[in-house]
């Protein structure tokens, strides 16, 4: 089990929606916007791909919190 919550960029790379180079470029251009919106605006991903990655991130977070509660 993951010890930390995966970042959205890592999930998108794992799913092969973006490359590391695209992520780095988006992070440089991000400014104050959410990363997902920046990636969409740059044409690197579609909105449904961001939605799916955010859902995965949420599930991972819930699973980790449940495991931590079970240990405590």
PDB file of N, CA and C in Angstrom:
ATOM      1  N   UNK A   1       0.843  -1.180   0.000  1.00  0.00           N
ATOM      2  CA  UNK A   1       0.000   0.000   0.000  1.00  0.00           C
ATOM      3  C   UNK A   1       0.887   1.242   0.000  1.00  0.00           C
ATOM      4  N   UNK A   2       0.440   2.275  -0.698  1.00  0.00           N
ATOM      5  CA  UNK A   2       1.192   3.521  -0.768  1.00  0.00           C
ATOM      6  C   UNK A   2       1.235   4.177   0.605  1.00  0.00           C
ATOM      7  N   UNK A   3       2.393   4.736   0.928  1.00  0.00           N
ATOM      8  CA  UNK A   3       2.547   5.410   2.209  1.00  0.00           C
ATOM      9  C   UNK A   3       2.119   6.861   2.124  1.00  0.00           C
ATOM     10  N   UNK A   4       1.996   7.377   0.913  1.00  0.00           N
ATOM     11  CA  UNK A   4       1.571   8.761   0.745  1.00  0.00           C
ATOM     12  C   UNK A   4       0.595   8.839  -0.413  1.00  0.00           C
ATOM     13  N   UNK A   5      -0.147   9.902  -0.430  1.00  0.00           N
ATOM     14  CA  UNK A   5      -1.115  10.099  -1.500  1.00  0.00           C
ATOM     15  C   UNK A   5      -0.356  10.483  -2.765  1.00  0.00           C
ATOM     16  N   UNK A   6      -0.676   9.797  -3.852  1.00  0.00           N
ATOM     17  CA  UNK A   6      -0.021  10.117  -5.116  1.00  0.00           C
ATOM     18  C   UNK A   6      -0.486  11.469  -5.617  1.00  0.00           C
ATOM     19  N   UNK A   7       0.430  12.192  -6.171  1.00  0.00           N
ATOM     20  CA  UNK A   7       0.101  13.479  -6.770  1.00  0.00           C
ATOM     21  C   UNK A   7      -0.608  13.239  -8.095  1.00  0.00           C
ATOM     22  N   UNK A   8      -1.439  14.185  -8.476  1.00  0.00           N
ATOM     23  CA  UNK A   8      -2.223  14.044  -9.698  1.00  0.00           C
ATOM     24  C   UNK A   8      -1.315  13.851 -10.913  1.00  0.00           C
ATOM     25  N   UNK A   9      -0.200  14.555 -10.955  1.00  0.00           N
ATOM     26  CA  UNK A   9       0.737  14.406 -12.068  1.00  0.00           C
ATOM     27  C   UNK A   9       1.280  12.996 -12.177  1.00  0.00           C
ATOM     28  N   UNK A  10       1.592  12.390 -11.029  1.00  0.00           N
ATOM     29  CA  UNK A  10       2.100  11.010 -11.028  1.00  0.00           C
ATOM     30  C   UNK A  10       1.047  10.034 -11.546  1.00  0.00           C
ATOM     31  N   UNK A  11      -0.197  10.254 -11.183  1.00  0.00           N
ATOM     32  CA  UNK A  11      -1.282   9.392 -11.643  1.00  0.00           C
ATOM     33  C   UNK A  11      -1.451   9.527 -13.149  1.00  0.00           C
ATOM     34  N   UNK A  12      -1.402  10.755 -13.650  1.00  0.00           N
ATOM     35  CA  UNK A  12      -1.557  10.977 -15.087  1.00  0.00           C
ATOM     36  C   UNK A  12      -0.416  10.344 -15.880  1.00  0.00           C
ATOM     37  N   UNK A  13       0.790  10.393 -15.343  1.00  0.00           N
ATOM     38  CA  UNK A  13       1.931   9.743 -16.002  1.00  0.00           C
ATOM     39  C   UNK A  13       1.752   8.227 -15.976  1.00  0.00           C
ATOM     40  N   UNK A  14       1.345   7.701 -14.834  1.00  0.00           N
ATOM     41  CA  UNK A  14       1.138   6.252 -14.715  1.00  0.00           C
ATOM     42  C   UNK A  14       0.099   5.763 -15.720  1.00  0.00           C
ATOM     43  N   UNK A  15      -0.929   6.567 -15.925  1.00  0.00           N
ATOM     44  CA  UNK A  15      -1.993   6.205 -16.873  1.00  0.00           C
ATOM     45  C   UNK A  15      -1.592   6.494 -18.325  1.00  0.00           C
ATOM     46  N   UNK A  16      -0.391   7.048 -18.503  1.00  0.00           N
ATOM     47  CA  UNK A  16       0.145   7.381 -19.826  1.00  0.00           C
ATOM     48  C   UNK A  16      -0.670   8.452 -20.546  1.00  0.00           C
ATOM     49  N   UNK A  17      -1.271   9.352 -19.780  1.00  0.00           N
ATOM     50  CA  UNK A  17      -1.988  10.492 -20.355  1.00  0.00           C
ATOM     51  C   UNK A  17      -1.020  11.619 -20.691  1.00  0.00           C
ATOM     52  N   UNK A  18       0.047  11.735 -19.901  1.00  0.00           N
ATOM     53  CA  UNK A  18       1.056  12.763 -20.137  1.00  0.00           C
ATOM     54  C   UNK A  18       2.436  12.152 -19.908  1.00  0.00           C
ATOM     55  N   UNK A  19       3.442  12.885 -20.381  1.00  0.00           N
ATOM     56  CA  UNK A  19       4.824  12.487 -20.132  1.00  0.00           C
ATOM     57  C   UNK A  19       5.385  13.333 -18.983  1.00  0.00           C
ATOM     58  N   UNK A  20       6.537  12.932 -18.486  1.00  0.00           N
ATOM     59  CA  UNK A  20       7.187  13.731 -17.437  1.00  0.00           C
ATOM     60  C   UNK A  20       7.527  15.121 -17.967  1.00  0.00           C
ATOM     61  N   UNK A  21       7.934  15.194 -19.227  1.00  0.00           N
ATOM     62  CA  UNK A  21       8.267  16.483 -19.823  1.00  0.00           C
ATOM     63  C   UNK A  21       7.034  17.395 -19.887  1.00  0.00           C
ATOM     64  N   UNK A  22       5.889  16.829 -20.251  1.00  0.00           N
ATOM     65  CA  UNK A  22       4.655  17.615 -20.284  1.00  0.00           C
ATOM     66  C   UNK A  22       4.276  18.091 -18.882  1.00  0.00           C
ATOM     67  N   UNK A  23       4.444  17.225 -17.893  1.00  0.00           N
ATOM     68  CA  UNK A  23       4.152  17.613 -16.515  1.00  0.00           C
ATOM     69  C   UNK A  23       5.047  18.766 -16.082  1.00  0.00           C
ATOM     70  N   UNK A  24       6.332  18.658 -16.368  1.00  0.00           N
ATOM     71  CA  UNK A  24       7.263  19.718 -15.997  1.00  0.00           C
ATOM     72  C   UNK A  24       6.879  21.034 -16.679  1.00  0.00           C
ATOM     73  N   UNK A  25       6.510  20.972 -17.950  1.00  0.00           N
ATOM     74  CA  UNK A  25       6.107  22.166 -18.682  1.00  0.00           C
ATOM     75  C   UNK A  25       4.858  22.787 -18.052  1.00  0.00           C
ATOM     76  N   UNK A  26       3.879  21.948 -17.723  1.00  0.00           N
ATOM     77  CA  UNK A  26       2.644  22.439 -17.110  1.00  0.00           C
ATOM     78  C   UNK A  26       2.917  23.063 -15.747  1.00  0.00           C
ATOM     79  N   UNK A  27       3.795  22.471 -14.971  1.00  0.00           N
ATOM     80  CA  UNK A  27       4.129  23.021 -13.651  1.00  0.00           C
ATOM     81  C   UNK A  27       4.788  24.393 -13.793  1.00  0.00           C
ATOM     82  N   UNK A  28       5.599  24.570 -14.841  1.00  0.00           N
ATOM     83  CA  UNK A  28       6.227  25.865 -15.089  1.00  0.00           C
ATOM     84  C   UNK A  28       5.194  26.923 -15.470  1.00  0.00           C
ATOM     85  N   UNK A  29       4.159  26.512 -16.185  1.00  0.00           N
ATOM     86  CA  UNK A  29       3.153  27.442 -16.691  1.00  0.00           C
ATOM     87  C   UNK A  29       1.946  27.599 -15.765  1.00  0.00           C
ATOM     88  N   UNK A  30       1.896  26.817 -14.705  1.00  0.00           N
ATOM     89  CA  UNK A  30       0.713  26.703 -13.864  1.00  0.00           C
ATOM     90  C   UNK A  30       0.259  28.022 -13.245  1.00  0.00           C
ATOM     91  N   UNK A  31       1.178  28.779 -12.726  1.00  0.00           N
ATOM     92  CA  UNK A  31       0.778  29.999 -12.015  1.00  0.00           C
ATOM     93  C   UNK A  31      -0.045  29.614 -10.797  1.00  0.00           C
ATOM     94  N   UNK A  32      -1.189  30.266 -10.599  1.00  0.00           N
ATOM     95  CA  UNK A  32      -2.030  29.957  -9.448  1.00  0.00           C
ATOM     96  C   UNK A  32      -3.174  29.016  -9.770  1.00  0.00           C
ATOM     97  N   UNK A  33      -3.212  28.519 -11.006  1.00  0.00           N
ATOM     98  CA  UNK A  33      -4.317  27.642 -11.414  1.00  0.00           C
ATOM     99  C   UNK A  33      -4.096  26.212 -10.925  1.00  0.00           C
ATOM    100  N   UNK A  34      -5.179  25.447 -10.793  1.00  0.00           N
ATOM    101  CA  UNK A  34      -5.026  24.022 -10.495  1.00  0.00           C
ATOM    102  C   UNK A  34      -4.263  23.335 -11.637  1.00  0.00           C
ATOM    103  N   UNK A  35      -3.443  22.360 -11.301  1.00  0.00           N
ATOM    104  CA  UNK A  35      -2.640  21.672 -12.312  1.00  0.00           C
ATOM    105  C   UNK A  35      -3.519  21.035 -13.381  1.00  0.00           C
ATOM    106  N   UNK A  36      -4.607  20.418 -12.964  1.00  0.00           N
ATOM    107  CA  UNK A  36      -5.495  19.775 -13.931  1.00  0.00           C
ATOM    108  C   UNK A  36      -6.009  20.747 -14.975  1.00  0.00           C
ATOM    109  N   UNK A  37      -6.410  21.943 -14.538  1.00  0.00           N
ATOM    110  CA  UNK A  37      -6.900  22.951 -15.475  1.00  0.00           C
ATOM    111  C   UNK A  37      -5.793  23.408 -16.407  1.00  0.00           C
ATOM    112  N   UNK A  38      -4.599  23.551 -15.868  1.00  0.00           N
ATOM    113  CA  UNK A  38      -3.454  23.946 -16.693  1.00  0.00           C
ATOM    114  C   UNK A  38      -3.198  22.905 -17.782  1.00  0.00           C
ATOM    115  N   UNK A  39      -3.228  21.637 -17.409  1.00  0.00           N
ATOM    116  CA  UNK A  39      -2.990  20.565 -18.379  1.00  0.00           C
ATOM    117  C   UNK A  39      -4.076  20.540 -19.456  1.00  0.00           C
ATOM    118  N   UNK A  40      -5.313  20.789 -19.060  1.00  0.00           N
ATOM    119  CA  UNK A  40      -6.416  20.846 -20.030  1.00  0.00           C
ATOM    120  C   UNK A  40      -6.207  22.034 -20.968  1.00  0.00           C
ATOM    121  N   UNK A  41      -5.916  23.191 -20.399  1.00  0.00           N
ATOM    122  CA  UNK A  41      -5.715  24.404 -21.201  1.00  0.00           C
ATOM    123  C   UNK A  41      -4.568  24.239 -22.194  1.00  0.00           C
ATOM    124  N   UNK A  42      -3.564  23.476 -21.811  1.00  0.00           N
ATOM    125  CA  UNK A  42      -2.410  23.262 -22.687  1.00  0.00           C
ATOM    126  C   UNK A  42      -2.691  22.190 -23.741  1.00  0.00           C
ATOM    127  N   UNK A  43      -3.829  21.522 -23.619  1.00  0.00           N
ATOM    128  CA  UNK A  43      -4.191  20.496 -24.588  1.00  0.00           C
ATOM    129  C   UNK A  43      -3.543  19.146 -24.349  1.00  0.00           C
ATOM    130  N   UNK A  44      -2.971  18.953 -23.165  1.00  0.00           N
ATOM    131  CA  UNK A  44      -2.298  17.690 -22.860  1.00  0.00           C
ATOM    132  C   UNK A  44      -3.269  16.588 -22.452  1.00  0.00           C
ATOM    133  N   UNK A  45      -4.366  16.955 -21.820  1.00  0.00           N
ATOM    134  CA  UNK A  45      -5.345  15.975 -21.358  1.00  0.00           C
ATOM    135  C   UNK A  45      -6.750  16.505 -21.594  1.00  0.00           C
ATOM    136  N   UNK A  46      -7.694  15.580 -21.489  1.00  0.00           N
ATOM    137  CA  UNK A  46      -9.109  15.928 -21.574  1.00  0.00           C
ATOM    138  C   UNK A  46      -9.671  16.008 -20.161  1.00  0.00           C
ATOM    139  N   UNK A  47     -10.790  16.682 -20.041  1.00  0.00           N
ATOM    140  CA  UNK A  47     -11.407  16.855 -18.726  1.00  0.00           C
ATOM    141  C   UNK A  47     -11.738  15.510 -18.071  1.00  0.00           C
ATOM    142  N   UNK A  48     -12.233  14.538 -18.853  1.00  0.00           N
ATOM    143  CA  UNK A  48     -12.590  13.247 -18.267  1.00  0.00           C
ATOM    144  C   UNK A  48     -11.356  12.483 -17.776  1.00  0.00           C
ATOM    145  N   UNK A  49     -10.206  12.741 -18.372  1.00  0.00           N
ATOM    146  CA  UNK A  49      -8.974  12.093 -17.898  1.00  0.00           C
ATOM    147  C   UNK A  49      -8.558  12.671 -16.545  1.00  0.00           C
ATOM    148  N   UNK A  50      -8.719  13.983 -16.384  1.00  0.00           N
ATOM    149  CA  UNK A  50      -8.437  14.612 -15.087  1.00  0.00           C
ATOM    150  C   UNK A  50      -9.422  14.092 -14.045  1.00  0.00           C
ATOM    151  N   UNK A  51     -10.694  14.010 -14.417  1.00  0.00           N
ATOM    152  CA  UNK A  51     -11.711  13.528 -13.485  1.00  0.00           C
ATOM    153  C   UNK A  51     -11.382  12.113 -13.007  1.00  0.00           C
ATOM    154  N   UNK A  52     -11.006  11.241 -13.925  1.00  0.00           N
ATOM    155  CA  UNK A  52     -10.663   9.869 -13.557  1.00  0.00           C
ATOM    156  C   UNK A  52      -9.451   9.810 -12.647  1.00  0.00           C
ATOM    157  N   UNK A  53      -8.448  10.629 -12.929  1.00  0.00           N
ATOM    158  CA  UNK A  53      -7.246  10.646 -12.096  1.00  0.00           C
ATOM    159  C   UNK A  53      -7.563  11.187 -10.703  1.00  0.00           C
ATOM    160  N   UNK A  54      -8.426  12.208 -10.627  1.00  0.00           N
ATOM    161  CA  UNK A  54      -8.816  12.740  -9.320  1.00  0.00           C
ATOM    162  C   UNK A  54      -9.620  11.721  -8.519  1.00  0.00           C
ATOM    163  N   UNK A  55     -10.454  10.947  -9.204  1.00  0.00           N
ATOM    164  CA  UNK A  55     -11.198   9.883  -8.523  1.00  0.00           C
ATOM    165  C   UNK A  55     -10.240   8.838  -7.962  1.00  0.00           C
ATOM    166  N   UNK A  56      -9.236   8.463  -8.754  1.00  0.00           N
ATOM    167  CA  UNK A  56      -8.240   7.498  -8.271  1.00  0.00           C
ATOM    168  C   UNK A  56      -7.509   8.063  -7.061  1.00  0.00           C
ATOM    169  N   UNK A  57      -7.139   9.327  -7.119  1.00  0.00           N
ATOM    170  CA  UNK A  57      -6.444   9.966  -6.007  1.00  0.00           C
ATOM    171  C   UNK A  57      -7.315   9.949  -4.747  1.00  0.00           C
ATOM    172  N   UNK A  58      -8.598  10.217  -4.911  1.00  0.00           N
ATOM    173  CA  UNK A  58      -9.527  10.221  -3.790  1.00  0.00           C
ATOM    174  C   UNK A  58      -9.663   8.828  -3.171  1.00  0.00           C
ATOM    175  N   UNK A  59      -9.758   7.821  -4.015  1.00  0.00           N
ATOM    176  CA  UNK A  59      -9.864   6.432  -3.530  1.00  0.00           C
ATOM    177  C   UNK A  59      -8.605   6.048  -2.771  1.00  0.00           C
ATOM    178  N   UNK A  60      -7.444   6.420  -3.315  1.00  0.00           N
ATOM    179  CA  UNK A  60      -6.185   6.117  -2.623  1.00  0.00           C
ATOM    180  C   UNK A  60      -6.142   6.794  -1.253  1.00  0.00           C
ATOM    181  N   UNK A  61      -6.606   8.041  -1.191  1.00  0.00           N
ATOM    182  CA  UNK A  61      -6.617   8.775   0.072  1.00  0.00           C
ATOM    183  C   UNK A  61      -7.545   8.102   1.085  1.00  0.00           C
ATOM    184  N   UNK A  62      -8.736   7.720   0.642  1.00  0.00           N
ATOM    185  CA  UNK A  62      -9.692   7.063   1.536  1.00  0.00           C
ATOM    186  C   UNK A  62      -9.141   5.727   2.034  1.00  0.00           C
ATOM    187  N   UNK A  63      -8.511   4.982   1.150  1.00  0.00           N
ATOM    188  CA  UNK A  63      -7.941   3.685   1.529  1.00  0.00           C
ATOM    189  C   UNK A  63      -6.839   3.871   2.564  1.00  0.00           C
ATOM    190  N   UNK A  64      -5.981   4.851   2.345  1.00  0.00           N
ATOM    191  CA  UNK A  64      -4.893   5.113   3.279  1.00  0.00           C
ATOM    192  C   UNK A  64      -5.437   5.553   4.640  1.00  0.00           C
ATOM    193  N   UNK A  65      -6.436   6.423   4.641  1.00  0.00           N
ATOM    194  CA  UNK A  65      -7.022   6.870   5.909  1.00  0.00           C
ATOM    195  C   UNK A  65      -7.685   5.718   6.654  1.00  0.00           C
ATOM    196  N   UNK A  66      -8.353   4.830   5.929  1.00  0.00           N
ATOM    197  CA  UNK A  66      -8.977   3.671   6.538  1.00  0.00           C
ATOM    198  C   UNK A  66      -7.937   2.759   7.162  1.00  0.00           C
ATOM    199  N   UNK A  67      -6.839   2.555   6.441  1.00  0.00           N
ATOM    200  CA  UNK A  67      -5.767   1.711   6.966  1.00  0.00           C
ATOM    201  C   UNK A  67      -5.126   2.334   8.207  1.00  0.00           C
ATOM    202  N   UNK A  68      -4.924   3.628   8.180  1.00  0.00           N
ATOM    203  CA  UNK A  68      -4.350   4.302   9.343  1.00  0.00           C
ATOM    204  C   UNK A  68      -5.274   4.205  10.547  1.00  0.00           C
ATOM    205  N   UNK A  69      -6.577   4.348  10.322  1.00  0.00           N
ATOM    206  CA  UNK A  69      -7.547   4.217  11.409  1.00  0.00           C
ATOM    207  C   UNK A  69      -7.561   2.805  11.975  1.00  0.00           C
ATOM    208  N   UNK A  70      -7.419   1.820  11.107  1.00  0.00           N
ATOM    209  CA  UNK A  70      -7.431   0.422  11.545  1.00  0.00           C
ATOM    210  C   UNK A  70      -6.210   0.120  12.402  1.00  0.00           C
ATOM    211  N   UNK A  71      -5.083   0.714  12.070  1.00  0.00           N
ATOM    212  CA  UNK A  71      -3.846   0.499  12.834  1.00  0.00           C
ATOM    213  C   UNK A  71      -3.929   1.224  14.173  1.00  0.00           C
ATOM    214  N   UNK A  72      -4.537   2.377  14.176  1.00  0.00           N
ATOM    215  CA  UNK A  72      -4.641   3.176  15.415  1.00  0.00           C
ATOM    216  C   UNK A  72      -5.663   2.541  16.298  1.00  0.00           C
TER     217      UNK A  72
END
